[in-house]
Amino acid sequence: MIEYIIIAAAAISLIRVALGPTIYDRVVAIDTFLILIIALLALWSQNSPLYLDIAIVFAGLSFGATLVFSKYLRGEKIWS
C-alpha cells in the first residue's frame, strides 16, 4: 500500500518537473523525485538487502548531482 503512495508522489513530482515555472522549481522537484525513489528502494530492501546497497549509492550520487547542479545555476565554479 505504501509503495503506491510513494509512486503517486513520484508521479506528482515528475509533473512538477514538467510544469515548473522556473529552473529552481524543477531542480527541487527532481531532488524530491530522487528522494522518493531512494525511499522506495529502502522499502523494497526488506525482501532483498541488495536494494539497500543500491539505495545508499544512489543517495550519494543524487546528493552530489544536486550540489553540482545548484552550483552551476548560481554561476560558481563547480570544481575548485
PDB file of N, CA and C in Angstrom:
ATOM      1  N   MET A   1       0.818  -1.192   0.000  1.00  0.00           N
ATOM      2  CA  MET A   1       0.000   0.000   0.000  1.00  0.00           C
ATOM      3  C   MET A   1       0.868   1.264   0.000  1.00  0.00           C
ATOM      4  N   ILE A   2       1.865   1.287   0.860  1.00  0.00           N
ATOM      5  CA  ILE A   2       2.723   2.467   0.947  1.00  0.00           C
ATOM      6  C   ILE A   2       3.515   2.671  -0.342  1.00  0.00           C
ATOM      7  N   GLU A   3       3.789   1.569  -1.044  1.00  0.00           N
ATOM      8  CA  GLU A   3       4.514   1.670  -2.309  1.00  0.00           C
ATOM      9  C   GLU A   3       3.731   2.495  -3.320  1.00  0.00           C
ATOM     10  N   TYR A   4       2.421   2.316  -3.347  1.00  0.00           N
ATOM     11  CA  TYR A   4       1.594   3.046  -4.289  1.00  0.00           C
ATOM     12  C   TYR A   4       1.556   4.535  -3.955  1.00  0.00           C
ATOM     13  N   ILE A   5       1.597   4.858  -2.670  1.00  0.00           N
ATOM     14  CA  ILE A   5       1.610   6.257  -2.259  1.00  0.00           C
ATOM     15  C   ILE A   5       2.920   6.914  -2.689  1.00  0.00           C
ATOM     16  N   ILE A   6       4.034   6.201  -2.518  1.00  0.00           N
ATOM     17  CA  ILE A   6       5.331   6.736  -2.926  1.00  0.00           C
ATOM     18  C   ILE A   6       5.385   6.901  -4.442  1.00  0.00           C
ATOM     19  N   ILE A   7       4.854   5.940  -5.170  1.00  0.00           N
ATOM     20  CA  ILE A   7       4.842   6.028  -6.630  1.00  0.00           C
ATOM     21  C   ILE A   7       3.960   7.191  -7.089  1.00  0.00           C
ATOM     22  N   ALA A   8       2.820   7.395  -6.437  1.00  0.00           N
ATOM     23  CA  ALA A   8       1.947   8.525  -6.788  1.00  0.00           C
ATOM     24  C   ALA A   8       2.635   9.854  -6.498  1.00  0.00           C
ATOM     25  N   ALA A   9       3.333   9.938  -5.373  1.00  0.00           N
ATOM     26  CA  ALA A   9       4.056  11.169  -5.043  1.00  0.00           C
ATOM     27  C   ALA A   9       5.178  11.415  -6.047  1.00  0.00           C
ATOM     28  N   ALA A  10       5.835  10.343  -6.497  1.00  0.00           N
ATOM     29  CA  ALA A  10       6.890  10.489  -7.509  1.00  0.00           C
ATOM     30  C   ALA A  10       6.294  10.971  -8.834  1.00  0.00           C
ATOM     31  N   ALA A  11       5.117  10.479  -9.174  1.00  0.00           N
ATOM     32  CA  ALA A  11       4.465  10.929 -10.401  1.00  0.00           C
ATOM     33  C   ALA A  11       4.088  12.410 -10.317  1.00  0.00           C
ATOM     34  N   ILE A  12       3.604  12.834  -9.166  1.00  0.00           N
ATOM     35  CA  ILE A  12       3.282  14.250  -8.968  1.00  0.00           C
ATOM     36  C   ILE A  12       4.545  15.095  -9.066  1.00  0.00           C
ATOM     37  N   SER A  13       5.634  14.564  -8.536  1.00  0.00           N
ATOM     38  CA  SER A  13       6.904  15.283  -8.620  1.00  0.00           C
ATOM     39  C   SER A  13       7.366  15.421 -10.068  1.00  0.00           C
ATOM     40  N   LEU A  14       7.176  14.388 -10.860  1.00  0.00           N
ATOM     41  CA  LEU A  14       7.551  14.464 -12.274  1.00  0.00           C
ATOM     42  C   LEU A  14       6.678  15.462 -13.038  1.00  0.00           C
ATOM     43  N   ILE A  15       5.428  15.568 -12.639  1.00  0.00           N
ATOM     44  CA  ILE A  15       4.565  16.586 -13.245  1.00  0.00           C
ATOM     45  C   ILE A  15       5.094  17.973 -12.914  1.00  0.00           C
ATOM     46  N   ARG A  16       5.578  18.134 -11.684  1.00  0.00           N
ATOM     47  CA  ARG A  16       6.153  19.427 -11.295  1.00  0.00           C
ATOM     48  C   ARG A  16       7.426  19.728 -12.074  1.00  0.00           C
ATOM     49  N   VAL A  17       8.182  18.678 -12.401  1.00  0.00           N
ATOM     50  CA  VAL A  17       9.374  18.881 -13.227  1.00  0.00           C
ATOM     51  C   VAL A  17       8.969  19.402 -14.601  1.00  0.00           C
ATOM     52  N   ALA A  18       7.924  18.850 -15.145  1.00  0.00           N
ATOM     53  CA  ALA A  18       7.491  19.253 -16.482  1.00  0.00           C
ATOM     54  C   ALA A  18       6.854  20.640 -16.496  1.00  0.00           C
ATOM     55  N   LEU A  19       6.143  21.004 -15.434  1.00  0.00           N
ATOM     56  CA  LEU A  19       5.383  22.249 -15.425  1.00  0.00           C
ATOM     57  C   LEU A  19       6.004  23.365 -14.599  1.00  0.00           C
ATOM     58  N   GLY A  20       7.140  23.088 -13.964  1.00  0.00           N
ATOM     59  CA  GLY A  20       7.746  24.085 -13.080  1.00  0.00           C
ATOM     60  C   GLY A  20       7.989  25.401 -13.784  1.00  0.00           C
ATOM     61  N   PRO A  21       7.580  26.510 -13.183  1.00  0.00           N
ATOM     62  CA  PRO A  21       7.754  27.792 -13.861  1.00  0.00           C
ATOM     63  C   PRO A  21       9.222  28.227 -13.957  1.00  0.00           C
ATOM     64  N   THR A  22      10.034  27.853 -12.986  1.00  0.00           N
ATOM     65  CA  THR A  22      11.444  28.238 -13.033  1.00  0.00           C
ATOM     66  C   THR A  22      12.321  27.001 -12.968  1.00  0.00           C
ATOM     67  N   ILE A  23      13.578  27.178 -13.310  1.00  0.00           N
ATOM     68  CA  ILE A  23      14.517  26.068 -13.268  1.00  0.00           C
ATOM     69  C   ILE A  23      14.758  25.614 -11.827  1.00  0.00           C
ATOM     70  N   TYR A  24      14.648  26.532 -10.887  1.00  0.00           N
ATOM     71  CA  TYR A  24      14.856  26.177  -9.482  1.00  0.00           C
ATOM     72  C   TYR A  24      13.751  25.269  -8.966  1.00  0.00           C
ATOM     73  N   ASP A  25      12.519  25.516  -9.403  1.00  0.00           N
ATOM     74  CA  ASP A  25      11.418  24.621  -9.046  1.00  0.00           C
ATOM     75  C   ASP A  25      11.658  23.230  -9.618  1.00  0.00           C
ATOM     76  N   ARG A  26      12.198  23.173 -10.812  1.00  0.00           N
ATOM     77  CA  ARG A  26      12.468  21.885 -11.432  1.00  0.00           C
ATOM     78  C   ARG A  26      13.573  21.134 -10.708  1.00  0.00           C
ATOM     79  N   VAL A  27      14.590  21.846 -10.250  1.00  0.00           N
ATOM     80  CA  VAL A  27      15.676  21.197  -9.509  1.00  0.00           C
ATOM     81  C   VAL A  27      15.151  20.608  -8.201  1.00  0.00           C
ATOM     82  N   VAL A  28      14.326  21.354  -7.500  1.00  0.00           N
ATOM     83  CA  VAL A  28      13.750  20.855  -6.255  1.00  0.00           C
ATOM     84  C   VAL A  28      12.841  19.658  -6.527  1.00  0.00           C
ATOM     85  N   ALA A  29      12.085  19.698  -7.604  1.00  0.00           N
ATOM     86  CA  ALA A  29      11.195  18.583  -7.949  1.00  0.00           C
ATOM     87  C   ALA A  29      11.995  17.342  -8.326  1.00  0.00           C
ATOM     88  N   ILE A  30      13.100  17.512  -9.030  1.00  0.00           N
ATOM     89  CA  ILE A  30      13.946  16.363  -9.368  1.00  0.00           C
ATOM     90  C   ILE A  30      14.558  15.772  -8.111  1.00  0.00           C
ATOM     91  N   ASP A  31      14.997  16.632  -7.192  1.00  0.00           N
ATOM     92  CA  ASP A  31      15.564  16.157  -5.936  1.00  0.00           C
ATOM     93  C   ASP A  31      14.517  15.404  -5.120  1.00  0.00           C
ATOM     94  N   THR A  32      13.301  15.917  -5.102  1.00  0.00           N
ATOM     95  CA  THR A  32      12.210  15.229  -4.406  1.00  0.00           C
ATOM     96  C   THR A  32      11.920  13.880  -5.044  1.00  0.00           C
ATOM     97  N   PHE A  33      11.928  13.834  -6.366  1.00  0.00           N
ATOM     98  CA  PHE A  33      11.706  12.571  -7.074  1.00  0.00           C
ATOM     99  C   PHE A  33      12.790  11.550  -6.713  1.00  0.00           C
ATOM    100  N   LEU A  34      14.031  11.989  -6.685  1.00  0.00           N
ATOM    101  CA  LEU A  34      15.119  11.072  -6.354  1.00  0.00           C
ATOM    102  C   LEU A  34      15.020  10.577  -4.915  1.00  0.00           C
ATOM    103  N   ILE A  35      14.614  11.442  -3.996  1.00  0.00           N
ATOM    104  CA  ILE A  35      14.434  11.020  -2.607  1.00  0.00           C
ATOM    105  C   ILE A  35      13.321   9.985  -2.500  1.00  0.00           C
ATOM    106  N   LEU A  36      12.258  10.174  -3.258  1.00  0.00           N
ATOM    107  CA  LEU A  36      11.165   9.196  -3.236  1.00  0.00           C
ATOM    108  C   LEU A  36      11.604   7.853  -3.819  1.00  0.00           C
ATOM    109  N   ILE A  37      12.437   7.873  -4.849  1.00  0.00           N
ATOM    110  CA  ILE A  37      12.947   6.622  -5.411  1.00  0.00           C
ATOM    111  C   ILE A  37      13.849   5.924  -4.396  1.00  0.00           C
ATOM    112  N   ILE A  38      14.658   6.687  -3.672  1.00  0.00           N
ATOM    113  CA  ILE A  38      15.505   6.111  -2.628  1.00  0.00           C
ATOM    114  C   ILE A  38      14.647   5.489  -1.529  1.00  0.00           C
ATOM    115  N   ALA A  39      13.568   6.169  -1.159  1.00  0.00           N
ATOM    116  CA  ALA A  39      12.651   5.618  -0.152  1.00  0.00           C
ATOM    117  C   ALA A  39      12.006   4.327  -0.644  1.00  0.00           C
ATOM    118  N   LEU A  40      11.651   4.284  -1.917  1.00  0.00           N
ATOM    119  CA  LEU A  40      11.072   3.075  -2.479  1.00  0.00           C
ATOM    120  C   LEU A  40      12.071   1.929  -2.474  1.00  0.00           C
ATOM    121  N   LEU A  41      13.317   2.218  -2.819  1.00  0.00           N
ATOM    122  CA  LEU A  41      14.356   1.181  -2.772  1.00  0.00           C
ATOM    123  C   LEU A  41      14.588   0.700  -1.344  1.00  0.00           C
ATOM    124  N   ALA A  42      14.568   1.617  -0.391  1.00  0.00           N
ATOM    125  CA  ALA A  42      14.739   1.222   1.009  1.00  0.00           C
ATOM    126  C   ALA A  42      13.571   0.365   1.482  1.00  0.00           C
ATOM    127  N   LEU A  43      12.387   0.673   0.993  1.00  0.00           N
ATOM    128  CA  LEU A  43      11.224  -0.136   1.349  1.00  0.00           C
ATOM    129  C   LEU A  43      11.328  -1.537   0.767  1.00  0.00           C
ATOM    130  N   TRP A  44      11.794  -1.633  -0.456  1.00  0.00           N
ATOM    131  CA  TRP A  44      11.956  -2.937  -1.090  1.00  0.00           C
ATOM    132  C   TRP A  44      13.099  -3.742  -0.480  1.00  0.00           C
ATOM    133  N   SER A  45      13.979  -3.081   0.259  1.00  0.00           N
ATOM    134  CA  SER A  45      15.125  -3.796   0.829  1.00  0.00           C
ATOM    135  C   SER A  45      14.715  -4.727   1.965  1.00  0.00           C
ATOM    136  N   GLN A  46      13.471  -4.683   2.370  1.00  0.00           N
ATOM    137  CA  GLN A  46      13.009  -5.636   3.381  1.00  0.00           C
ATOM    138  C   GLN A  46      13.040  -7.056   2.839  1.00  0.00           C
ATOM    139  N   ASN A  47      12.846  -7.206   1.538  1.00  0.00           N
ATOM    140  CA  ASN A  47      12.862  -8.531   0.922  1.00  0.00           C
ATOM    141  C   ASN A  47      14.247  -8.918   0.428  1.00  0.00           C
ATOM    142  N   SER A  48      15.020  -7.960  -0.022  1.00  0.00           N
ATOM    143  CA  SER A  48      16.344  -8.236  -0.543  1.00  0.00           C
ATOM    144  C   SER A  48      17.293  -7.131  -0.090  1.00  0.00           C
ATOM    145  N   PRO A  49      18.336  -7.472   0.659  1.00  0.00           N
ATOM    146  CA  PRO A  49      19.245  -6.436   1.162  1.00  0.00           C
ATOM    147  C   PRO A  49      20.055  -5.743   0.068  1.00  0.00           C
ATOM    148  N   LEU A  50      20.059  -6.283  -1.140  1.00  0.00           N
ATOM    149  CA  LEU A  50      20.779  -5.647  -2.234  1.00  0.00           C
ATOM    150  C   LEU A  50      20.194  -4.277  -2.560  1.00  0.00           C
ATOM    151  N   TYR A  51      18.892  -4.132  -2.406  1.00  0.00           N
ATOM    152  CA  TYR A  51      18.240  -2.850  -2.685  1.00  0.00           C
ATOM    153  C   TYR A  51      18.732  -1.749  -1.752  1.00  0.00           C
ATOM    154  N   LEU A  52      19.083  -2.101  -0.526  1.00  0.00           N
ATOM    155  CA  LEU A  52      19.583  -1.098   0.402  1.00  0.00           C
ATOM    156  C   LEU A  52      20.949  -0.582  -0.042  1.00  0.00           C
ATOM    157  N   ASP A  53      21.794  -1.467  -0.531  1.00  0.00           N
ATOM    158  CA  ASP A  53      23.088  -1.030  -1.055  1.00  0.00           C
ATOM    159  C   ASP A  53      22.911  -0.105  -2.259  1.00  0.00           C
ATOM    160  N   ILE A  54      21.988  -0.461  -3.123  1.00  0.00           N
ATOM    161  CA  ILE A  54      21.709   0.378  -4.287  1.00  0.00           C
ATOM    162  C   ILE A  54      21.166   1.729  -3.846  1.00  0.00           C
ATOM    163  N   ALA A  55      20.298   1.748  -2.833  1.00  0.00           N
ATOM    164  CA  ALA A  55      19.725   2.998  -2.336  1.00  0.00           C
ATOM    165  C   ALA A  55      20.797   3.897  -1.738  1.00  0.00           C
ATOM    166  N   ILE A  56      21.755   3.324  -1.026  1.00  0.00           N
ATOM    167  CA  ILE A  56      22.816   4.127  -0.422  1.00  0.00           C
ATOM    168  C   ILE A  56      23.688   4.756  -1.493  1.00  0.00           C
ATOM    169  N   VAL A  57      24.068   3.991  -2.495  1.00  0.00           N
ATOM    170  CA  VAL A  57      24.887   4.526  -3.590  1.00  0.00           C
ATOM    171  C   VAL A  57      24.098   5.584  -4.360  1.00  0.00           C
ATOM    172  N   PHE A  58      22.854   5.318  -4.627  1.00  0.00           N
ATOM    173  CA  PHE A  58      22.013   6.260  -5.362  1.00  0.00           C
ATOM    174  C   PHE A  58      21.823   7.552  -4.577  1.00  0.00           C
ATOM    175  N   ALA A  59      21.711   7.450  -3.247  1.00  0.00           N
ATOM    176  CA  ALA A  59      21.565   8.650  -2.415  1.00  0.00           C
ATOM    177  C   ALA A  59      22.814   9.520  -2.497  1.00  0.00           C
ATOM    178  N   GLY A  60      23.979   8.902  -2.471  1.00  0.00           N
ATOM    179  CA  GLY A  60      25.213   9.671  -2.595  1.00  0.00           C
ATOM    180  C   GLY A  60      25.337  10.357  -3.937  1.00  0.00           C
ATOM    181  N   LEU A  61      25.013   9.627  -4.996  1.00  0.00           N
ATOM    182  CA  LEU A  61      25.070  10.219  -6.334  1.00  0.00           C
ATOM    183  C   LEU A  61      24.033  11.329  -6.498  1.00  0.00           C
ATOM    184  N   SER A  62      22.864  11.138  -5.943  1.00  0.00           N
ATOM    185  CA  SER A  62      21.817  12.146  -6.026  1.00  0.00           C
ATOM    186  C   SER A  62      22.225  13.414  -5.286  1.00  0.00           C
ATOM    187  N   PHE A  63      22.795  13.259  -4.115  1.00  0.00           N
ATOM    188  CA  PHE A  63      23.240  14.416  -3.344  1.00  0.00           C
ATOM    189  C   PHE A  63      24.328  15.180  -4.089  1.00  0.00           C
ATOM    190  N   GLY A  64      25.284  14.457  -4.625  1.00  0.00           N
ATOM    191  CA  GLY A  64      26.360  15.099  -5.373  1.00  0.00           C
ATOM    192  C   GLY A  64      25.866  15.806  -6.617  1.00  0.00           C
ATOM    193  N   ALA A  65      24.958  15.184  -7.332  1.00  0.00           N
ATOM    194  CA  ALA A  65      24.419  15.798  -8.547  1.00  0.00           C
ATOM    195  C   ALA A  65      23.627  17.062  -8.224  1.00  0.00           C
ATOM    196  N   THR A  66      22.877  17.050  -7.140  1.00  0.00           N
ATOM    197  CA  THR A  66      22.118  18.233  -6.747  1.00  0.00           C
ATOM    198  C   THR A  66      23.053  19.377  -6.375  1.00  0.00           C
ATOM    199  N   LEU A  67      24.132  19.072  -5.666  1.00  0.00           N
ATOM    200  CA  LEU A  67      25.098  20.112  -5.309  1.00  0.00           C
ATOM    201  C   LEU A  67      25.761  20.707  -6.548  1.00  0.00           C
ATOM    202  N   VAL A  68      26.185  19.850  -7.454  1.00  0.00           N
ATOM    203  CA  VAL A  68      26.852  20.334  -8.666  1.00  0.00           C
ATOM    204  C   VAL A  68      25.900  21.172  -9.508  1.00  0.00           C
ATOM    205  N   PHE A  69      24.670  20.724  -9.655  1.00  0.00           N
ATOM    206  CA  PHE A  69      23.720  21.463 -10.485  1.00  0.00           C
ATOM    207  C   PHE A  69      23.354  22.802  -9.866  1.00  0.00           C
ATOM    208  N   SER A  70      23.223  22.841  -8.538  1.00  0.00           N
ATOM    209  CA  SER A  70      22.883  24.110  -7.900  1.00  0.00           C
ATOM    210  C   SER A  70      24.049  25.097  -7.985  1.00  0.00           C
ATOM    211  N   LYS A  71      25.275  24.602  -7.873  1.00  0.00           N
ATOM    212  CA  LYS A  71      26.427  25.497  -8.043  1.00  0.00           C
ATOM    213  C   LYS A  71      26.504  26.004  -9.479  1.00  0.00           C
ATOM    214  N   TYR A  72      26.179  25.156 -10.427  1.00  0.00           N
ATOM    215  CA  TYR A  72      26.165  25.563 -11.832  1.00  0.00           C
ATOM    216  C   TYR A  72      25.133  26.663 -12.081  1.00  0.00           C
ATOM    217  N   LEU A  73      23.955  26.521 -11.486  1.00  0.00           N
ATOM    218  CA  LEU A  73      22.907  27.520 -11.673  1.00  0.00           C
ATOM    219  C   LEU A  73      23.265  28.857 -11.026  1.00  0.00           C
ATOM    220  N   ARG A  74      24.036  28.812  -9.962  1.00  0.00           N
ATOM    221  CA  ARG A  74      24.451  30.058  -9.321  1.00  0.00           C
ATOM    222  C   ARG A  74      25.612  30.717 -10.041  1.00  0.00           C
ATOM    223  N   GLY A  75      26.210  30.025 -10.998  1.00  0.00           N
ATOM    224  CA  GLY A  75      27.305  30.586 -11.765  1.00  0.00           C
ATOM    225  C   GLY A  75      28.658  30.426 -11.111  1.00  0.00           C
ATOM    226  N   GLU A  76      28.739  29.567 -10.106  1.00  0.00           N
ATOM    227  CA  GLU A  76      30.005  29.347  -9.405  1.00  0.00           C
ATOM    228  C   GLU A  76      30.826  28.275 -10.126  1.00  0.00           C
ATOM    229  N   LYS A  77      32.114  28.227  -9.763  1.00  0.00           N
ATOM    230  CA  LYS A  77      32.957  27.166 -10.292  1.00  0.00           C
ATOM    231  C   LYS A  77      32.542  25.851  -9.652  1.00  0.00           C
ATOM    232  N   ILE A  78      32.399  24.848 -10.460  1.00  0.00           N
ATOM    233  CA  ILE A  78      31.968  23.556  -9.941  1.00  0.00           C
ATOM    234  C   ILE A  78      33.129  22.839  -9.269  1.00  0.00           C
ATOM    235  N   TRP A  79      34.266  22.810  -9.908  1.00  0.00           N
ATOM    236  CA  TRP A  79      35.432  22.145  -9.344  1.00  0.00           C
ATOM    237  C   TRP A  79      36.435  23.218  -8.956  1.00  0.00           C
ATOM    238  N   SER A  80      36.606  23.398  -7.655  1.00  0.00           N
ATOM    239  CA  SER A  80      37.565  24.416  -7.221  1.00  0.00           C
ATOM    240  C   SER A  80      38.597  23.849  -6.288  1.00  0.00           C
TER     241      SER A  80
END
